[in-house]
Amino acid sequence: MLELTKEQALDLVNKISFFEFFTAGEKKVVADLRSNMVSYASGENIIRQGDTDRAVFLLIKGKAKVTKKEKKSVTLNTLKAGDVFGEIAFFSQKPRSTNVITLEDTIALKMDWSLLGGLDETIKNKIKDKFIEVLIQRLENMNTALIKHCRL
């Protein structure tokens, strides 16, 4: 279990662009969620394809790669601090569609519906707004890649 002080957690939260529009007080509330900040050693799976848990993650520190079972040697994406992942299973309640494997020692904030439900409405809405931004960006990236692929 990761043992962060409130000050260490707040320092990490302050460095993440995901929280740039949160007030100082809201960032302190997020730092209080440090019991949901999980540390992973380099090479460790945060998410395994096919798993059925319903959490979404926010990378707080470190880097990770996204892969599929079918092509383990192919990195689909590289995640860095501030990136969100696991949202497909979180929202759709379907099994995990990819693996997320750390590239270095990493800390991630693990959020489930129960955690989000216990937050103040303002904070919850800001987190939801950021999730929507992430999903829109992913859709735009996918559309761009599809168009590029179709032109080949």
Protein backbone atom coordinates (compact mmCIF):
# COMPACT_ATOMS: atom_id res chain seq x y z
CA MET A 1 0.00 0.00 0.00
CA LEU A 2 1.29 3.44 -0.93
CA GLU A 3 1.94 5.68 2.05
CA LEU A 4 1.78 9.30 0.95
CA THR A 5 1.44 12.22 3.30
CA LYS A 6 -1.28 14.73 2.50
CA GLU A 7 1.43 17.20 1.47
CA GLN A 8 3.07 14.68 -0.91
CA ALA A 9 -0.31 13.84 -2.43
CA LEU A 10 -1.17 17.52 -2.84
CA ASP A 11 2.21 18.19 -4.48
CA LEU A 12 1.49 15.43 -7.03
CA VAL A 13 -2.06 16.69 -7.65
CA ASN A 14 -0.76 20.24 -8.21
CA LYS A 15 1.54 18.98 -10.98
CA ILE A 16 -1.25 17.31 -13.00
CA SER A 17 -2.93 19.29 -15.79
CA PHE A 18 -6.13 17.29 -15.22
CA PHE A 19 -6.67 19.42 -12.10
CA GLU A 20 -5.69 22.80 -13.57
CA PHE A 21 -9.22 24.21 -13.21
CA PHE A 22 -9.74 22.91 -9.69
CA THR A 23 -9.54 25.40 -6.83
CA ALA A 24 -6.91 24.99 -4.12
CA GLY A 25 -9.61 23.61 -1.82
CA GLU A 26 -10.80 21.11 -4.43
CA LYS A 27 -7.23 19.96 -4.99
CA LYS A 28 -6.92 19.34 -1.24
CA VAL A 29 -10.04 17.17 -1.39
CA VAL A 30 -8.48 15.16 -4.23
CA ALA A 31 -5.22 14.86 -2.24
CA ASP A 32 -7.31 13.42 0.60
CA LEU A 33 -8.15 10.55 -1.78
CA ARG A 34 -4.55 9.39 -1.38
CA SER A 35 -5.77 6.03 -0.04
CA ASN A 36 -6.98 5.48 -3.63
CA MET A 37 -3.56 6.37 -5.06
CA VAL A 38 -1.92 3.07 -5.90
CA SER A 39 1.76 2.53 -6.64
CA TYR A 40 2.94 0.11 -9.30
CA ALA A 41 6.49 -1.10 -9.96
CA SER A 42 8.00 -0.84 -13.42
CA GLY A 43 6.63 -3.61 -15.67
CA GLU A 44 3.53 -4.20 -13.55
CA ASN A 45 0.03 -4.43 -15.03
CA ILE A 46 -2.39 -1.74 -13.88
CA ILE A 47 -5.09 -3.16 -16.16
CA ARG A 48 -5.30 -6.60 -17.77
CA GLN A 49 -7.31 -7.14 -20.94
CA GLY A 50 -10.43 -9.15 -20.13
CA ASP A 51 -10.65 -8.14 -16.45
CA THR A 52 -14.09 -7.00 -15.32
CA ASP A 53 -13.41 -4.38 -12.67
CA ARG A 54 -15.14 -1.00 -13.07
CA ALA A 55 -12.50 1.55 -12.09
CA VAL A 56 -11.09 4.41 -14.14
CA PHE A 57 -7.54 5.57 -13.52
CA LEU A 58 -5.69 8.86 -13.62
CA LEU A 59 -1.93 8.56 -13.94
CA ILE A 60 -0.49 10.74 -11.19
CA LYS A 61 3.21 9.97 -11.69
CA GLY A 62 5.18 7.80 -14.09
CA LYS A 63 4.57 6.29 -17.52
CA ALA A 64 2.71 3.28 -18.87
CA LYS A 65 2.06 1.63 -22.22
CA VAL A 66 -1.21 0.35 -23.67
CA THR A 67 -1.13 -3.04 -25.43
CA LYS A 68 -3.50 -5.77 -26.64
CA LYS A 69 -3.14 -9.52 -25.98
CA GLU A 70 -3.17 -10.15 -29.70
CA LYS A 71 -0.10 -7.96 -30.36
CA LYS A 72 1.83 -7.67 -27.09
CA SER A 73 4.89 -6.26 -28.84
CA VAL A 74 2.89 -3.35 -30.28
CA THR A 75 2.40 -0.29 -28.08
CA LEU A 76 -0.93 1.33 -28.93
CA ASN A 77 -0.30 4.36 -26.75
CA THR A 78 2.11 5.67 -24.13
CA LEU A 79 0.51 7.27 -21.07
CA LYS A 80 2.06 9.98 -18.91
CA ALA A 81 1.09 11.84 -15.75
CA GLY A 82 -2.32 13.44 -16.23
CA ASP A 83 -3.64 10.81 -18.64
CA VAL A 84 -6.92 8.99 -17.95
CA PHE A 85 -7.42 5.33 -18.86
CA GLY A 86 -9.85 2.53 -18.18
CA GLU A 87 -12.86 4.63 -19.09
CA ILE A 88 -14.38 2.08 -21.49
CA ALA A 89 -14.95 -0.52 -18.75
CA PHE A 90 -15.90 2.23 -16.30
CA PHE A 91 -18.71 3.59 -18.47
CA SER A 92 -19.76 0.53 -20.49
CA GLN A 93 -19.39 -2.19 -17.86
CA LYS A 94 -17.66 -4.35 -20.46
CA PRO A 95 -14.44 -6.29 -19.83
CA ARG A 96 -11.16 -4.42 -20.20
CA SER A 97 -10.23 -4.05 -23.86
CA THR A 98 -6.48 -3.45 -23.38
CA ASN A 99 -3.55 -3.97 -21.04
CA VAL A 100 -1.90 -1.04 -19.30
CA ILE A 101 1.65 -1.85 -18.20
CA THR A 102 3.95 0.52 -16.34
CA LEU A 103 7.20 1.61 -17.97
CA GLU A 104 8.62 2.92 -14.69
CA ASP A 105 7.55 3.17 -11.06
CA THR A 106 4.09 4.72 -11.29
CA ILE A 107 1.29 6.13 -9.14
CA ALA A 108 -2.32 6.11 -10.32
CA LEU A 109 -5.51 7.42 -8.75
CA LYS A 110 -8.05 4.59 -8.94
CA MET A 111 -11.65 5.87 -9.07
CA ASP A 112 -14.85 3.86 -9.05
CA TRP A 113 -18.52 4.89 -8.95
CA SER A 114 -18.65 4.69 -5.17
CA LEU A 115 -15.66 7.04 -4.78
CA LEU A 116 -17.08 9.55 -7.26
CA GLY A 117 -20.54 9.32 -5.65
CA GLY A 118 -19.08 10.43 -2.33
CA LEU A 119 -17.50 13.60 -3.72
CA ASP A 120 -18.92 17.12 -3.60
CA GLU A 121 -21.07 17.83 -6.69
CA THR A 122 -18.71 20.57 -7.94
CA ILE A 123 -15.68 18.28 -7.84
CA LYS A 124 -17.64 15.37 -9.31
CA ASN A 125 -18.82 17.57 -12.19
CA LYS A 126 -15.30 18.83 -12.89
CA ILE A 127 -14.05 15.24 -13.04
CA LYS A 128 -16.93 14.26 -15.35
CA ASP A 129 -16.17 17.27 -17.57
CA LYS A 130 -12.55 16.15 -17.85
CA PHE A 131 -13.68 12.61 -18.72
CA ILE A 132 -15.87 14.04 -21.49
CA GLU A 133 -12.90 16.04 -22.83
CA VAL A 134 -10.79 12.86 -22.85
CA LEU A 135 -13.47 10.89 -24.69
CA ILE A 136 -13.95 13.63 -27.29
CA GLN A 137 -10.20 13.82 -27.89
CA ARG A 138 -9.99 10.04 -28.28
CA LEU A 139 -12.86 10.08 -30.77
CA GLU A 140 -11.19 12.87 -32.77
CA ASN A 141 -7.89 10.94 -32.78
CA MET A 142 -9.65 7.78 -33.92
CA ASN A 143 -11.44 9.63 -36.72
CA THR A 144 -8.17 11.17 -37.89
CA ALA A 145 -6.46 7.77 -37.87
CA LEU A 146 -9.37 6.18 -39.74
CA ILE A 147 -9.33 8.88 -42.42
CA LYS A 148 -5.56 8.51 -42.77
CA HIS A 149 -5.92 4.73 -43.05
CA CYS A 150 -8.67 4.99 -45.68
CA ARG A 151 -6.48 7.24 -47.85
CA LEU A 152 -3.69 4.65 -47.96
